[in-house]
């Protein structure tokens, strides 16, 4: 399983560096990055939630426009 170093994409003050485990192109786990002095114990709950958010069936993958009846239509 590959481990990569990246940064948490949340818009927090810390911009935590994290390690991620990727298997077969899928994010599997978020690990602490020992070199990050702001949060050496690891990412916060918002950062850890990216494993679930990335693979959620409710994730919006394309831009949408709301139409007058309240539903959404995919746009380019």
C-alpha atoms as a PDB file:
ATOM      1  CA  UNK A   1       0.000   0.000   0.000  1.00  0.00           C
ATOM      2  CA  UNK A   2       1.479   3.330  -1.060  1.00  0.00           C
ATOM      3  CA  UNK A   3       1.920   6.110   1.505  1.00  0.00           C
ATOM      4  CA  UNK A   4       2.029   9.659   0.199  1.00  0.00           C
ATOM      5  CA  UNK A   5       2.672  12.985   1.910  1.00  0.00           C
ATOM      6  CA  UNK A   6       0.145  15.715   1.210  1.00  0.00           C
ATOM      7  CA  UNK A   7      -1.693  18.531   2.981  1.00  0.00           C
ATOM      8  CA  UNK A   8      -5.208  18.628   4.343  1.00  0.00           C
ATOM      9  CA  UNK A   9      -7.389  20.656   1.949  1.00  0.00           C
ATOM     10  CA  UNK A  10      -9.535  22.160   4.718  1.00  0.00           C
ATOM     11  CA  UNK A  11      -9.353  25.927   4.993  1.00  0.00           C
ATOM     12  CA  UNK A  12      -8.011  25.920   8.551  1.00  0.00           C
ATOM     13  CA  UNK A  13      -5.175  27.941  10.021  1.00  0.00           C
ATOM     14  CA  UNK A  14      -2.827  24.943  10.346  1.00  0.00           C
ATOM     15  CA  UNK A  15      -2.817  23.497   6.802  1.00  0.00           C
ATOM     16  CA  UNK A  16      -1.781  20.173   8.302  1.00  0.00           C
ATOM     17  CA  UNK A  17       0.642  17.975   6.466  1.00  0.00           C
ATOM     18  CA  UNK A  18      -0.601  14.406   6.521  1.00  0.00           C
ATOM     19  CA  UNK A  19       0.321  11.008   5.166  1.00  0.00           C
ATOM     20  CA  UNK A  20      -2.303   9.086   3.217  1.00  0.00           C
ATOM     21  CA  UNK A  21      -2.465   5.419   2.349  1.00  0.00           C
ATOM     22  CA  UNK A  22      -3.667   4.719  -1.172  1.00  0.00           C
ATOM     23  CA  UNK A  23      -4.535   1.250  -2.460  1.00  0.00           C
ATOM     24  CA  UNK A  24      -5.665   0.598  -6.036  1.00  0.00           C
ATOM     25  CA  UNK A  25      -6.226   4.319  -6.573  1.00  0.00           C
ATOM     26  CA  UNK A  26      -8.490   4.693  -3.520  1.00  0.00           C
ATOM     27  CA  UNK A  27      -7.812   6.637  -0.358  1.00  0.00           C
ATOM     28  CA  UNK A  28      -7.768   4.121   2.490  1.00  0.00           C
ATOM     29  CA  UNK A  29      -6.413   5.873   5.580  1.00  0.00           C
ATOM     30  CA  UNK A  30      -5.123   9.230   6.840  1.00  0.00           C
ATOM     31  CA  UNK A  31      -2.087   9.133   9.101  1.00  0.00           C
ATOM     32  CA  UNK A  32      -0.192  11.787  11.061  1.00  0.00           C
ATOM     33  CA  UNK A  33       2.892  13.347   9.541  1.00  0.00           C
ATOM     34  CA  UNK A  34       5.570  13.374  12.207  1.00  0.00           C
ATOM     35  CA  UNK A  35       7.246  16.463  10.740  1.00  0.00           C
ATOM     36  CA  UNK A  36       4.184  18.648  11.201  1.00  0.00           C
ATOM     37  CA  UNK A  37       4.777  20.728  14.310  1.00  0.00           C
ATOM     38  CA  UNK A  38       1.277  22.274  14.274  1.00  0.00           C
ATOM     39  CA  UNK A  39      -0.508  18.932  14.709  1.00  0.00           C
ATOM     40  CA  UNK A  40       2.037  16.143  15.305  1.00  0.00           C
ATOM     41  CA  UNK A  41      -0.655  13.844  16.703  1.00  0.00           C
ATOM     42  CA  UNK A  42      -2.504  13.859  13.376  1.00  0.00           C
ATOM     43  CA  UNK A  43      -5.310  15.509  11.495  1.00  0.00           C
ATOM     44  CA  UNK A  44      -8.446  16.730  13.258  1.00  0.00           C
ATOM     45  CA  UNK A  45     -11.843  15.074  12.801  1.00  0.00           C
ATOM     46  CA  UNK A  46     -12.603  17.246   9.779  1.00  0.00           C
ATOM     47  CA  UNK A  47      -9.417  16.071   8.092  1.00  0.00           C
ATOM     48  CA  UNK A  48      -9.953  12.441   9.051  1.00  0.00           C
ATOM     49  CA  UNK A  49     -13.445  12.566   7.532  1.00  0.00           C
ATOM     50  CA  UNK A  50     -11.953  12.842   4.036  1.00  0.00           C
ATOM     51  CA  UNK A  51     -11.809   9.068   3.722  1.00  0.00           C
ATOM     52  CA  UNK A  52     -15.611   8.932   4.058  1.00  0.00           C
ATOM     53  CA  UNK A  53     -16.244  12.107   2.074  1.00  0.00           C
ATOM     54  CA  UNK A  54     -14.113  10.990  -0.860  1.00  0.00           C
ATOM     55  CA  UNK A  55     -16.057   7.769  -1.361  1.00  0.00           C
ATOM     56  CA  UNK A  56     -19.523   8.908  -0.273  1.00  0.00           C
ATOM     57  CA  UNK A  57     -22.358   8.091  -2.703  1.00  0.00           C
ATOM     58  CA  UNK A  58     -23.740  11.582  -1.905  1.00  0.00           C
ATOM     59  CA  UNK A  59     -20.585  13.357  -3.134  1.00  0.00           C
ATOM     60  CA  UNK A  60     -21.218  15.879  -5.901  1.00  0.00           C
ATOM     61  CA  UNK A  61     -18.944  15.005  -8.818  1.00  0.00           C
ATOM     62  CA  UNK A  62     -20.126  17.484 -11.461  1.00  0.00           C
ATOM     63  CA  UNK A  63     -21.311  21.100 -11.490  1.00  0.00           C
ATOM     64  CA  UNK A  64     -25.066  21.413 -11.101  1.00  0.00           C
ATOM     65  CA  UNK A  65     -27.552  24.204 -11.740  1.00  0.00           C
ATOM     66  CA  UNK A  66     -30.799  24.523  -9.806  1.00  0.00           C
ATOM     67  CA  UNK A  67     -33.795  24.774 -12.072  1.00  0.00           C
ATOM     68  CA  UNK A  68     -37.049  26.548 -11.085  1.00  0.00           C
ATOM     69  CA  UNK A  69     -38.823  23.400  -9.851  1.00  0.00           C
ATOM     70  CA  UNK A  70     -36.087  22.939  -7.204  1.00  0.00           C
ATOM     71  CA  UNK A  71     -34.256  20.031  -8.798  1.00  0.00           C
ATOM     72  CA  UNK A  72     -30.752  20.154 -10.265  1.00  0.00           C
ATOM     73  CA  UNK A  73     -29.458  19.745 -13.816  1.00  0.00           C
ATOM     74  CA  UNK A  74     -25.854  18.753 -14.642  1.00  0.00           C
ATOM     75  CA  UNK A  75     -23.905  21.420 -16.527  1.00  0.00           C
ATOM     76  CA  UNK A  76     -20.493  21.432 -18.201  1.00  0.00           C
END
